[in-house]
């Protein structure tokens, strides 16, 4: 490219603009005269002169814009307090906290934002991380900061969960924007950059995040909406009516009046134990715990009065001897074994239209965790015997099956999740009682951390993952007299071939339109893998598992209920 020299007079004008941004007005520094001269040269007949003028015109414009931005930024300089982030991870990853903090500081500072360190006002406990909005506000006000960044970073398998908050203290009442993102290791730095971009945008007055809270609790409008919000929107303000932490991850859940006192008992299963709770207002009281036997992993629980004696039986499925086996119990106030462990899966098939529940069975072998047809069962002489086989529903997931007249035609259908995808999600399918597919929801539904590796394996390969998705529930969520179909949709934080880890999820409510099921409502994001659901009266109970999150103080499992 040929060297082009800008006349000295123009250099002096540009130099004035750079060093004195206030000179950017048509009346100062000879800018008006310069632009008029450039304009005449741009419209002249000499081609070289026009090109020269064009270059000078572009340069002049850039200098004016940059000078304006500089003066604007300097005038609007504000401070952001970057508070210690709480790190949930193996001690070998302790470096992550400081590394992420340094990365955030370098990307936040500059262009009108100055990062300040809070070391001088931190308590000893604060140095382990600040996650409380109240404490974050206290520290920021002591520092006289305009904004504050705080939160936690969780190591989840080979990925991370970023739970960061940006507090704006320039408002009359501090506003907090929360960001929860699950990323793989190679996505960590790019995602942090995106989050910083979002925070900087908020500081500039552009809120590009929808998940905002303006204090510790929901407002009146959010409180009214409860778990679900209107069609296609997300409820950012939903709150459970109650919740309790469970030391082990809750992988299965059911609700029934086990002792006949008119009050429900909640049965929750972790890999290690079956726990029975009584509901007392907004709390659960643990009544009894049944520990798994050595070499046994518990998988599933369901309860219903199948034998007709007026008390529900408890069907407890475990993985023992490299296959599924089920034992049967009752709880008239204390756990009593009704039938010893036997091979195969036993599960209560609920009739959501009000009919009697059934008990269904599928075999389990060393080569196939789910093996053969699905059968109806009944009691004869105190023993369980097979009756009729259910129709062949291709790809149907055993534990998700339920019966419901979804289109209110007067004839019930089978509902369940179909063949799982590689990430364990699946479509929702409706089959006729003859086994014909009549409707399908092609969404990524289900997905669970509750799976077991078992079955025929090629040399050098690990056994296949057998998914144990949660139940599908039915409930009238909008009080219109018509029940919606509720199904979980979990979000994987790590998703690779044959390895999936779920960290959070939502509940979707589906309505019938014509012969189709369409999404009517969905909950806000619940920060647990949602493993099971059960409806009792007008209350929805949900079980949650926290994956590999290191949260030993409260427990990584949750039982939540919504009324």
Protein backbone atom coordinates (compact mmCIF):
# COMPACT_ATOMS: atom_id res chain seq x y z
CA UNK A 1 0.00 0.00 0.00
CA UNK A 2 1.50 3.44 -0.94
CA UNK A 3 2.45 5.67 1.96
CA UNK A 4 0.05 8.61 2.28
CA UNK A 5 1.07 11.66 4.26
CA UNK A 6 -1.63 13.70 5.96
CA UNK A 7 -0.97 17.45 5.74
CA UNK A 8 0.40 18.97 8.96
CA UNK A 9 -2.62 21.23 9.41
CA UNK A 10 -4.91 18.19 9.55
CA UNK A 11 -2.56 16.42 11.99
CA UNK A 12 -2.80 19.40 14.34
CA UNK A 13 -6.60 19.26 14.16
CA UNK A 14 -6.67 15.51 14.90
CA UNK A 15 -4.15 15.91 17.71
CA UNK A 16 -6.35 18.59 19.27
CA UNK A 17 -9.35 16.26 19.13
CA UNK A 18 -7.50 13.40 20.83
CA UNK A 19 -6.04 15.51 23.64
CA UNK A 20 -9.06 17.69 24.22
CA UNK A 21 -12.33 15.72 23.70
CA UNK A 22 -14.34 18.83 24.58
CA UNK A 23 -13.09 20.28 21.31
CA UNK A 24 -15.39 17.95 19.39
CA UNK A 25 -17.79 20.66 18.24
CA UNK A 26 -18.09 22.28 14.81
CA UNK A 27 -17.02 25.62 16.28
CA UNK A 28 -13.76 24.43 17.87
CA UNK A 29 -10.31 23.36 16.63
CA UNK A 30 -11.08 24.27 13.06
CA UNK A 31 -13.19 21.17 12.54
CA UNK A 32 -15.86 22.94 10.55
CA UNK A 33 -13.28 24.38 8.16
CA UNK A 34 -11.56 21.02 7.88
CA UNK A 35 -14.79 19.18 7.07
CA UNK A 36 -15.76 21.80 4.52
CA UNK A 37 -12.36 21.46 2.82
CA UNK A 38 -12.65 17.66 2.83
CA UNK A 39 -16.13 17.88 1.38
CA UNK A 40 -14.96 20.02 -1.54
CA UNK A 41 -12.06 17.65 -2.21
CA UNK A 42 -14.37 14.61 -2.06
CA UNK A 43 -16.49 16.15 -4.82
CA UNK A 44 -13.54 17.28 -6.95
CA UNK A 45 -12.47 15.81 -10.29
CA UNK A 46 -9.00 14.61 -9.25
CA UNK A 47 -9.27 10.86 -8.42
CA UNK A 48 -6.12 10.78 -6.24
CA UNK A 49 -7.30 13.85 -4.35
CA UNK A 50 -10.69 12.22 -3.75
CA UNK A 51 -9.04 9.04 -2.34
CA UNK A 52 -6.77 11.13 -0.13
CA UNK A 53 -9.71 13.13 1.19
CA UNK A 54 -11.69 9.94 1.78
CA UNK A 55 -8.93 8.50 3.98
CA UNK A 56 -8.67 11.71 5.98
CA UNK A 57 -12.46 11.88 6.36
CA UNK A 58 -12.62 8.31 7.72
CA UNK A 59 -9.77 8.97 10.15
CA UNK A 60 -11.39 12.17 11.34
CA UNK A 61 -14.67 10.36 11.97
CA UNK A 62 -12.96 7.60 13.95
CA UNK A 63 -11.12 10.10 16.12
CA UNK A 64 -14.35 12.00 16.85
CA UNK A 65 -16.19 8.79 17.80
CA UNK A 66 -13.36 7.49 19.96
CA UNK A 67 -12.95 10.85 21.66
CA UNK A 68 -16.67 10.97 22.42
CA UNK A 69 -16.58 7.45 23.88
CA UNK A 70 -13.54 8.31 26.00
CA UNK A 71 -15.20 11.38 27.48
CA UNK A 72 -18.40 9.41 28.09
CA UNK A 73 -16.60 6.53 29.79
CA UNK A 74 -14.50 8.78 32.00
CA UNK A 75 -17.58 10.69 33.08
CA UNK A 76 -19.46 7.48 33.92
CA UNK A 77 -16.74 5.58 35.84
CA UNK A 78 -18.33 3.25 38.45
CA UNK A 79 -17.07 0.60 40.85
CA UNK A 80 -17.87 -3.09 41.12
CA UNK A 81 -16.97 -5.17 44.20
CA UNK A 82 -15.81 -8.65 43.19
CA UNK A 83 -16.52 -10.81 46.24
CA UNK A 84 -14.94 -14.22 46.99
CA UNK A 85 -16.70 -17.05 45.17
CA UNK A 86 -17.67 -20.16 47.12
CA UNK A 87 -16.14 -23.27 45.56
CA UNK A 88 -17.75 -26.71 45.82
CA UNK A 89 -15.08 -29.03 44.49
CA UNK A 90 -12.45 -31.59 45.34
CA UNK A 91 -9.48 -30.03 47.22
CA UNK A 92 -7.30 -30.73 44.19
CA UNK A 93 -9.31 -28.05 42.32
CA UNK A 94 -8.87 -25.36 44.97
CA UNK A 95 -7.03 -23.23 42.41
CA UNK A 96 -10.29 -22.74 40.48
CA UNK A 97 -11.72 -20.13 42.84
CA UNK A 98 -8.82 -17.71 42.53
CA UNK A 99 -8.40 -18.44 38.82
CA UNK A 100 -12.04 -17.65 38.02
CA UNK A 101 -11.94 -14.55 40.24
CA UNK A 102 -8.85 -13.28 38.37
CA UNK A 103 -10.51 -13.99 35.04
CA UNK A 104 -13.66 -12.12 36.07
CA UNK A 105 -11.65 -9.15 37.35
CA UNK A 106 -9.70 -8.79 34.09
CA UNK A 107 -12.86 -8.90 31.99
CA UNK A 108 -14.96 -6.63 34.22
CA UNK A 109 -12.46 -3.80 34.61
CA UNK A 110 -12.11 -0.99 32.10
CA UNK A 111 -14.48 1.05 29.94
CA UNK A 112 -16.24 2.74 32.85
CA UNK A 113 -16.01 -0.04 35.44
CA UNK A 114 -13.36 -0.21 38.14
CA UNK A 115 -13.01 -3.47 40.08
CA UNK A 116 -12.34 -3.03 43.78
CA UNK A 117 -11.20 -5.71 46.22
CA UNK A 118 -13.14 -6.21 49.46
CA UNK A 119 -10.29 -7.69 51.55
CA UNK A 120 -10.36 -4.87 54.12
CA UNK A 121 -13.97 -5.51 55.16
CA UNK A 122 -14.21 -9.31 54.87
CA UNK A 123 -15.00 -11.50 57.83
CA UNK A 124 -13.23 -14.85 58.13
CA UNK A 125 -16.33 -16.70 56.90
CA UNK A 126 -16.60 -14.38 53.88
CA UNK A 127 -13.20 -15.53 52.65
CA UNK A 128 -14.71 -18.97 51.90
CA UNK A 129 -17.19 -17.35 49.56
CA UNK A 130 -20.19 -15.01 49.65
CA UNK A 131 -23.49 -16.42 48.37
CA UNK A 132 -26.00 -14.50 50.51
CA UNK A 133 -27.63 -11.43 48.93
CA UNK A 134 -27.88 -9.77 52.34
CA UNK A 135 -24.17 -10.19 53.10
CA UNK A 136 -23.17 -9.16 49.56
CA UNK A 137 -25.15 -5.92 49.97
CA UNK A 138 -23.56 -5.23 53.36
CA UNK A 139 -20.02 -5.60 51.97
CA UNK A 140 -20.78 -3.55 48.84
CA UNK A 141 -22.19 -0.69 50.90
CA UNK A 142 -19.16 -0.69 53.21
CA UNK A 143 -17.02 -0.33 50.07
CA UNK A 144 -19.42 2.27 48.61
CA UNK A 145 -19.52 0.17 45.43
CA UNK A 146 -22.09 0.66 42.68
CA UNK A 147 -22.26 -3.05 41.86
CA UNK A 148 -21.26 -6.41 43.38
CA UNK A 149 -20.53 -9.82 41.89
CA UNK A 150 -20.86 -12.92 44.11
CA UNK A 151 -21.91 -16.58 43.99
CA UNK A 152 -20.51 -20.09 43.72
CA UNK A 153 -18.76 -22.49 41.37
CA UNK A 154 -19.49 -26.20 41.59
CA UNK A 155 -17.45 -29.00 40.06
CA UNK A 156 -19.89 -31.54 38.58
CA UNK A 157 -18.15 -34.60 37.14
CA UNK A 158 -16.03 -33.26 34.29
CA UNK A 159 -18.08 -30.08 34.07
CA UNK A 160 -18.95 -27.06 36.15
CA UNK A 161 -22.01 -25.22 37.38
CA UNK A 162 -21.64 -21.44 37.54
CA UNK A 163 -24.12 -19.75 39.89
CA UNK A 164 -23.25 -16.06 39.83
CA UNK A 165 -25.18 -12.94 40.82
CA UNK A 166 -24.81 -9.29 39.81
CA UNK A 167 -26.19 -6.77 42.32
CA UNK A 168 -27.02 -3.25 41.16
CA UNK A 169 -26.88 -0.85 44.12
CA UNK A 170 -27.49 2.27 42.03
CA UNK A 171 -31.26 1.67 42.32
CA UNK A 172 -33.43 2.75 45.24
CA UNK A 173 -33.76 -0.95 46.05
CA UNK A 174 -30.87 -3.24 45.03
CA UNK A 175 -31.68 -5.42 42.02
CA UNK A 176 -30.05 -8.81 41.63
CA UNK A 177 -29.59 -10.64 38.35
CA UNK A 178 -28.86 -14.35 38.77
CA UNK A 179 -27.07 -16.50 36.21
CA UNK A 180 -26.96 -20.29 36.49
CA UNK A 181 -25.05 -22.06 33.74
CA UNK A 182 -23.81 -25.63 33.39
CA UNK A 183 -20.73 -26.05 31.22
CA UNK A 184 -18.17 -28.63 30.26
CA UNK A 185 -14.52 -27.96 31.06
CA UNK A 186 -13.68 -26.61 27.61
CA UNK A 187 -16.68 -24.24 27.72
CA UNK A 188 -15.73 -22.65 31.05
CA UNK A 189 -13.73 -19.66 29.77
CA UNK A 190 -16.07 -18.78 26.86
CA UNK A 191 -19.09 -18.99 29.17
CA UNK A 192 -17.43 -16.74 31.76
CA UNK A 193 -16.80 -14.19 29.02
CA UNK A 194 -20.49 -14.34 28.06
CA UNK A 195 -21.54 -13.82 31.68
CA UNK A 196 -19.23 -10.81 32.07
CA UNK A 197 -20.65 -9.37 28.85
CA UNK A 198 -24.14 -9.73 30.32
CA UNK A 199 -23.11 -8.09 33.60
CA UNK A 200 -21.47 -5.18 31.76
CA UNK A 201 -24.64 -4.77 29.69
CA UNK A 202 -26.73 -4.53 32.86
CA UNK A 203 -24.36 -1.90 34.26
CA UNK A 204 -24.89 0.04 31.02
CA UNK A 205 -28.66 -0.13 31.54
CA UNK A 206 -29.46 -3.01 29.19
CA UNK A 207 -30.99 -6.02 31.00
CA UNK A 208 -30.56 -8.96 28.66
CA UNK A 209 -31.26 -11.59 31.29
CA UNK A 210 -34.84 -12.48 32.17
CA UNK A 211 -34.11 -14.20 35.46
CA UNK A 212 -34.09 -11.18 37.78
CA UNK A 213 -35.06 -10.88 41.40
CA UNK A 214 -35.51 -7.67 43.36
CA UNK A 215 -35.07 -9.06 46.85
CA UNK A 216 -35.18 -12.35 48.72
CA UNK A 217 -38.74 -13.34 47.89
CA UNK A 218 -41.35 -13.21 45.11
CA UNK A 219 -43.73 -10.31 44.69
CA UNK A 220 -47.49 -10.65 44.90
CA UNK A 221 -47.84 -11.48 41.21
CA UNK A 222 -45.20 -14.21 41.38
CA UNK A 223 -46.70 -15.62 44.58
CA UNK A 224 -50.06 -15.92 42.87
CA UNK A 225 -48.66 -17.84 39.93
CA UNK A 226 -47.09 -20.61 42.05
CA UNK A 227 -45.26 -23.45 40.33
CA UNK A 228 -46.49 -22.84 36.79
CA UNK A 229 -46.83 -19.77 34.61
CA UNK A 230 -48.73 -19.14 31.40
CA UNK A 231 -48.15 -20.96 28.15
CA UNK A 232 -44.56 -20.96 26.84
CA UNK A 233 -43.37 -18.60 29.60
CA UNK A 234 -41.05 -19.57 32.43
CA UNK A 235 -42.04 -18.97 36.04
CA UNK A 236 -39.06 -17.16 37.52
CA UNK A 237 -40.74 -16.61 40.84
CA UNK A 238 -42.12 -20.03 41.75
CA UNK A 239 -41.56 -21.29 45.27
CA UNK A 240 -42.29 -24.73 46.72
CA UNK A 241 -44.76 -24.83 49.60
CA UNK A 242 -42.20 -26.89 51.47
CA UNK A 243 -38.93 -28.76 50.99
CA UNK A 244 -36.51 -30.83 53.02
CA UNK A 245 -32.90 -31.83 52.32
CA UNK A 246 -32.00 -35.50 52.16
CA UNK A 247 -28.44 -36.71 52.73
CA UNK A 248 -28.49 -39.06 49.75
CA UNK A 249 -29.86 -38.11 46.38
CA UNK A 250 -33.59 -38.86 46.08
CA UNK A 251 -33.91 -41.18 43.08
CA UNK A 252 -37.52 -42.27 43.56
CA UNK A 253 -40.59 -41.08 45.44
CA UNK A 254 -44.23 -41.97 46.03
CA UNK A 255 -47.01 -40.83 48.36
CA UNK A 256 -49.76 -42.87 50.02
CA UNK A 257 -51.71 -43.09 53.30
CA UNK A 258 -49.85 -46.15 54.58
CA UNK A 259 -51.38 -46.42 58.07
CA UNK A 260 -54.97 -45.37 57.32
CA UNK A 261 -54.98 -42.21 59.46
CA UNK A 262 -56.07 -39.97 56.58
CA UNK A 263 -52.67 -38.29 56.31
CA UNK A 264 -50.16 -39.07 53.56
CA UNK A 265 -46.79 -40.68 54.09
CA UNK A 266 -43.98 -39.79 51.71
CA UNK A 267 -41.71 -42.63 50.61
CA UNK A 268 -38.31 -41.50 49.37
CA UNK A 269 -35.55 -43.73 48.06
CA UNK A 270 -31.83 -43.09 47.79
CA UNK A 271 -29.36 -45.71 46.61
CA UNK A 272 -28.76 -46.66 50.25
CA UNK A 273 -32.15 -46.45 51.97
CA UNK A 274 -35.93 -46.21 51.91
CA UNK A 275 -37.14 -43.33 54.10
CA UNK A 276 -40.74 -42.90 55.28
CA UNK A 277 -41.88 -39.41 56.28
CA UNK A 278 -45.05 -37.96 57.81
CA UNK A 279 -46.20 -34.57 56.58
CA UNK A 280 -46.56 -31.98 59.35
CA UNK A 281 -47.67 -28.65 57.83
CA UNK A 282 -44.57 -27.32 56.04
CA UNK A 283 -42.20 -29.93 57.44
CA UNK A 284 -41.58 -33.64 57.04
CA UNK A 285 -40.92 -35.90 60.02
CA UNK A 286 -38.80 -38.98 59.39
CA UNK A 287 -40.63 -42.00 60.84
CA UNK A 288 -38.51 -44.94 59.71
CA UNK A 289 -35.53 -45.84 57.56
CA UNK A 290 -34.88 -49.16 55.86
CA UNK A 291 -31.25 -49.62 54.84
CA UNK A 292 -30.34 -51.49 51.67
CA UNK A 293 -28.63 -54.81 52.21
CA UNK A 294 -24.94 -55.23 51.49
CA UNK A 295 -24.27 -55.31 47.71
CA UNK A 296 -27.77 -53.94 47.02
CA UNK A 297 -28.57 -50.59 45.36
CA UNK A 298 -32.13 -49.36 45.71
CA UNK A 299 -33.77 -48.07 42.51
CA UNK A 300 -37.51 -47.49 42.73
CA UNK A 301 -40.52 -47.37 45.05
CA UNK A 302 -44.28 -47.34 44.47
CA UNK A 303 -47.26 -47.94 46.74
CA UNK A 304 -50.93 -48.93 46.36
CA UNK A 305 -53.48 -51.34 47.84
CA UNK A 306 -53.36 -54.12 45.25
CA UNK A 307 -54.40 -57.04 47.49
CA UNK A 308 -57.54 -55.19 48.71
CA UNK A 309 -56.86 -55.45 52.46
CA UNK A 310 -57.28 -51.68 52.95
CA UNK A 311 -53.56 -50.97 53.42
CA UNK A 312 -51.21 -49.99 50.59
CA UNK A 313 -48.29 -52.28 49.90
CA UNK A 314 -44.83 -50.85 49.27
CA UNK A 315 -43.02 -52.25 46.21
CA UNK A 316 -39.30 -51.68 46.66
CA UNK A 317 -37.03 -52.41 43.70
CA UNK A 318 -33.29 -52.89 44.12
CA UNK A 319 -30.31 -53.97 42.04
CA UNK A 320 -29.02 -57.19 43.55
CA UNK A 321 -27.20 -60.12 41.97
CA UNK A 322 -26.69 -58.14 38.74
CA UNK A 323 -30.43 -57.86 38.08
CA UNK A 324 -33.52 -56.06 39.37
CA UNK A 325 -35.29 -57.68 42.32
CA UNK A 326 -38.37 -56.50 44.24
CA UNK A 327 -39.49 -56.95 47.83
CA UNK A 328 -42.97 -56.09 49.17
CA UNK A 329 -43.62 -54.32 52.47
CA UNK A 330 -46.41 -52.73 54.52
CA UNK A 331 -46.22 -49.88 57.04
CA UNK A 332 -49.09 -49.86 59.57
CA UNK A 333 -46.79 -47.76 61.77
CA UNK A 334 -43.73 -49.96 61.37
CA UNK A 335 -42.20 -51.62 58.34
CA UNK A 336 -43.33 -55.23 57.93
CA UNK A 337 -42.12 -57.50 55.14
CA UNK A 338 -44.97 -59.02 53.13
CA UNK A 339 -43.00 -60.85 50.41
CA UNK A 340 -39.31 -61.63 50.16
CA UNK A 341 -37.18 -60.33 47.33
CA UNK A 342 -37.99 -61.89 43.94
CA UNK A 343 -36.52 -61.43 40.47
CA UNK A 344 -37.89 -58.71 38.24
CA UNK A 345 -39.47 -55.26 38.36
CA UNK A 346 -42.77 -54.69 40.18
CA UNK A 347 -44.42 -51.29 39.87
CA UNK A 348 -47.82 -49.72 40.51
CA UNK A 349 -49.57 -48.66 37.30
CA UNK A 350 -51.84 -45.81 38.38
CA UNK A 351 -55.15 -45.06 36.70
CA UNK A 352 -55.21 -41.26 36.54
CA UNK A 353 -58.87 -41.23 35.51
CA UNK A 354 -59.95 -42.55 38.89
CA UNK A 355 -59.97 -46.31 38.35
CA UNK A 356 -58.20 -48.89 40.52
CA UNK A 357 -54.44 -49.11 40.20
CA UNK A 358 -52.81 -52.22 38.78
CA UNK A 359 -49.51 -53.93 39.51
CA UNK A 360 -47.25 -54.58 36.53
CA UNK A 361 -44.19 -56.79 36.18
CA UNK A 362 -41.25 -57.09 33.82
CA UNK A 363 -38.50 -59.67 34.14
CA UNK A 364 -34.81 -58.86 34.67
CA UNK A 365 -31.88 -61.10 33.77
CA UNK A 366 -28.09 -61.05 33.69
CA UNK A 367 -28.17 -60.23 29.96
CA UNK A 368 -31.06 -57.72 30.01
CA UNK A 369 -32.04 -55.41 32.85
CA UNK A 370 -35.53 -55.11 31.27
CA UNK A 371 -36.46 -58.47 29.76
CA UNK A 372 -39.54 -59.70 27.96
CA UNK A 373 -43.16 -58.60 28.05
CA UNK A 374 -44.88 -56.45 30.64
CA UNK A 375 -47.51 -58.35 32.66
CA UNK A 376 -50.41 -57.48 34.93
CA UNK A 377 -50.19 -59.11 38.36
CA UNK A 378 -52.62 -60.10 41.11
CA UNK A 379 -52.56 -61.82 44.48
CA UNK A 380 -53.66 -65.44 44.82
CA UNK A 381 -53.25 -67.18 48.14
CA UNK A 382 -50.91 -64.50 49.39
CA UNK A 383 -48.63 -64.84 46.36
CA UNK A 384 -48.25 -62.75 43.22
CA UNK A 385 -49.17 -64.39 39.92
CA UNK A 386 -49.16 -63.15 36.33
CA UNK A 387 -52.47 -62.55 34.58
CA UNK A 388 -52.55 -60.82 31.18
CA UNK A 389 -49.71 -59.33 29.18
CA UNK A 390 -49.92 -55.64 28.33
CA UNK A 391 -49.94 -54.82 24.61
CA UNK A 392 -46.56 -54.45 22.92
CA UNK A 393 -45.80 -50.72 23.17
CA UNK A 394 -42.57 -50.30 21.24
CA UNK A 395 -39.90 -48.49 23.22
CA UNK A 396 -42.11 -47.87 26.27
CA UNK A 397 -40.15 -47.18 29.45
CA UNK A 398 -41.55 -49.44 32.17
CA UNK A 399 -41.50 -47.07 35.16
CA UNK A 400 -43.02 -44.14 33.29
CA UNK A 401 -46.24 -45.91 32.25
CA UNK A 402 -49.58 -44.62 33.50
CA UNK A 403 -53.24 -44.90 32.42
CA UNK A 404 -55.28 -41.78 31.59
CA UNK A 405 -58.12 -40.66 29.34
CA UNK A 406 -55.94 -37.88 27.92
CA UNK A 407 -58.44 -36.70 25.26
CA UNK A 408 -61.55 -37.10 27.49
CA UNK A 409 -63.10 -39.49 24.97
CA UNK A 410 -64.37 -41.85 27.66
CA UNK A 411 -61.69 -44.42 26.84
CA UNK A 412 -58.35 -44.54 28.65
CA UNK A 413 -54.94 -44.79 27.02
CA UNK A 414 -51.41 -45.66 28.13
CA UNK A 415 -48.99 -42.73 28.50
CA UNK A 416 -45.25 -43.11 28.91
CA UNK A 417 -41.84 -42.09 27.68
CA UNK A 418 -40.58 -43.82 24.55
CA UNK A 419 -37.18 -45.09 23.43
CA UNK A 420 -34.48 -42.98 25.16
CA UNK A 421 -31.97 -40.91 23.20
CA UNK A 422 -28.23 -40.97 23.85
CA UNK A 423 -28.65 -38.26 26.52
CA UNK A 424 -31.40 -40.37 28.21
CA UNK A 425 -34.16 -37.93 27.20
CA UNK A 426 -37.15 -39.27 25.30
CA UNK A 427 -40.45 -38.32 23.63
CA UNK A 428 -43.79 -38.71 25.39
CA UNK A 429 -46.02 -41.23 23.64
CA UNK A 430 -49.71 -42.10 23.98
CA UNK A 431 -50.75 -45.66 23.09
CA UNK A 432 -54.25 -47.07 22.77
CA UNK A 433 -55.19 -49.99 25.03
CA UNK A 434 -54.41 -52.16 22.01
CA UNK A 435 -50.86 -50.81 21.83
CA UNK A 436 -51.23 -48.48 18.83
CA UNK A 437 -49.52 -45.09 18.97
CA UNK A 438 -52.14 -42.33 18.89
CA UNK A 439 -50.17 -39.23 19.92
CA UNK A 440 -46.56 -38.18 20.40
CA UNK A 441 -44.76 -35.19 21.92
CA UNK A 442 -41.38 -34.92 20.21
CA UNK A 443 -39.51 -33.04 22.94
CA UNK A 444 -36.45 -33.95 25.01
CA UNK A 445 -38.34 -35.09 28.11
CA UNK A 446 -37.28 -37.07 31.12
CA UNK A 447 -33.60 -37.77 31.60
CA UNK A 448 -32.35 -38.91 34.99
CA UNK A 449 -29.28 -39.57 37.12
CA UNK A 450 -31.09 -42.73 38.18
CA UNK A 451 -29.70 -45.40 35.91
CA UNK A 452 -27.88 -48.68 36.40
CA UNK A 453 -25.22 -50.36 34.27
CA UNK A 454 -26.15 -53.95 33.62
CA UNK A 455 -26.67 -56.40 30.79
CA UNK A 456 -24.86 -58.13 27.97
CA UNK A 457 -21.52 -56.46 27.26
CA UNK A 458 -18.98 -56.75 24.48
CA UNK A 459 -15.38 -57.45 25.54
CA UNK A 460 -13.65 -54.23 26.58
CA UNK A 461 -16.91 -52.25 26.87
CA UNK A 462 -18.74 -51.19 30.00
CA UNK A 463 -22.30 -52.50 30.51
CA UNK A 464 -25.11 -50.46 28.95
CA UNK A 465 -26.82 -47.74 30.99
CA UNK A 466 -30.40 -48.71 31.83
CA UNK A 467 -32.41 -45.55 32.48
CA UNK A 468 -34.98 -45.47 35.30
CA UNK A 469 -37.00 -42.35 34.53
CA UNK A 470 -39.57 -40.96 36.93
CA UNK A 471 -43.33 -41.31 36.82
CA UNK A 472 -45.63 -39.16 34.71
CA UNK A 473 -48.18 -37.33 36.86
CA UNK A 474 -51.62 -35.89 36.16
CA UNK A 475 -53.07 -32.85 37.96
CA UNK A 476 -55.40 -29.91 37.37
CA UNK A 477 -52.83 -27.13 37.67
CA UNK A 478 -55.00 -24.19 36.57
CA UNK A 479 -58.28 -25.14 38.30
CA UNK A 480 -60.28 -25.30 35.07
CA UNK A 481 -61.67 -28.74 35.91
CA UNK A 482 -59.45 -30.48 33.36
CA UNK A 483 -56.31 -32.36 34.33
CA UNK A 484 -52.96 -31.64 32.67
CA UNK A 485 -50.23 -34.19 32.05
CA UNK A 486 -47.04 -33.36 34.00
CA UNK A 487 -43.66 -34.54 32.78
CA UNK A 488 -40.10 -33.71 33.79
CA UNK A 489 -37.49 -32.30 31.41
CA UNK A 490 -34.01 -32.38 32.93
CA UNK A 491 -31.07 -30.42 31.58
CA UNK A 492 -27.68 -32.20 31.24
CA UNK A 493 -24.62 -30.33 32.51
CA UNK A 494 -22.45 -33.09 31.03
CA UNK A 495 -23.63 -34.97 27.98
CA UNK A 496 -21.34 -37.39 26.21
CA UNK A 497 -21.92 -40.73 24.53
CA UNK A 498 -23.01 -43.18 27.24
CA UNK A 499 -22.29 -40.70 30.05
CA UNK A 500 -24.82 -38.08 31.13
CA UNK A 501 -25.08 -36.02 34.30
CA UNK A 502 -28.15 -33.91 35.03
CA UNK A 503 -28.02 -30.93 37.36
CA UNK A 504 -31.34 -29.08 36.98
CA UNK A 505 -34.73 -29.45 35.35
CA UNK A 506 -38.24 -28.13 34.83
CA UNK A 507 -41.75 -29.58 34.97
CA UNK A 508 -43.89 -29.20 31.86
CA UNK A 509 -47.69 -29.28 31.91
CA UNK A 510 -49.35 -30.54 28.71
CA UNK A 511 -52.96 -29.91 27.64
CA UNK A 512 -55.00 -31.72 25.05
CA UNK A 513 -55.83 -29.80 21.87
CA UNK A 514 -57.77 -31.94 19.46
CA UNK A 515 -55.96 -35.26 19.65
CA UNK A 516 -52.59 -33.73 20.46
CA UNK A 517 -50.81 -32.90 23.67
CA UNK A 518 -49.27 -29.41 23.64
CA UNK A 519 -47.30 -27.48 26.21
CA UNK A 520 -49.53 -25.23 28.29
CA UNK A 521 -47.29 -24.30 31.21
CA UNK A 522 -43.83 -24.89 32.55
CA UNK A 523 -42.20 -24.32 35.88
CA UNK A 524 -39.12 -22.27 36.55
CA UNK A 525 -35.79 -24.03 36.68
CA UNK A 526 -35.34 -26.28 39.72
CA UNK A 527 -31.70 -26.74 40.65
CA UNK A 528 -31.79 -30.52 41.02
CA UNK A 529 -32.14 -33.44 38.67
CA UNK A 530 -35.88 -34.18 39.04
CA UNK A 531 -36.10 -37.93 39.49
CA UNK A 532 -39.74 -38.64 40.38
CA UNK A 533 -43.19 -37.10 40.97
CA UNK A 534 -46.35 -38.08 42.76
CA UNK A 535 -49.70 -36.34 43.27
CA UNK A 536 -51.69 -36.71 46.47
CA UNK A 537 -54.98 -34.82 46.72
CA UNK A 538 -54.06 -31.36 45.34
CA UNK A 539 -50.36 -31.47 46.14
CA UNK A 540 -47.51 -32.34 43.78
CA UNK A 541 -44.48 -33.97 45.42
CA UNK A 542 -41.15 -33.95 43.60
CA UNK A 543 -37.91 -35.78 44.34
CA UNK A 544 -34.52 -34.32 43.39
CA UNK A 545 -30.95 -35.52 43.11
CA UNK A 546 -27.94 -33.19 43.09
CA UNK A 547 -25.65 -35.38 40.99
CA UNK A 548 -22.05 -35.18 42.18
CA UNK A 549 -22.41 -31.80 43.90
CA UNK A 550 -20.27 -31.56 47.02
CA UNK A 551 -22.89 -30.14 49.37
CA UNK A 552 -22.43 -32.25 52.48
CA UNK A 553 -23.90 -29.73 54.91
CA UNK A 554 -27.49 -29.94 53.69
CA UNK A 555 -27.45 -33.11 51.63
CA UNK A 556 -27.57 -33.39 47.89
CA UNK A 557 -31.17 -34.64 47.70
CA UNK A 558 -34.46 -32.78 48.04
CA UNK A 559 -38.11 -33.55 48.61
CA UNK A 560 -40.27 -30.62 47.47
CA UNK A 561 -43.99 -30.12 47.34
CA UNK A 562 -46.22 -27.62 45.57
CA UNK A 563 -49.84 -26.89 46.45
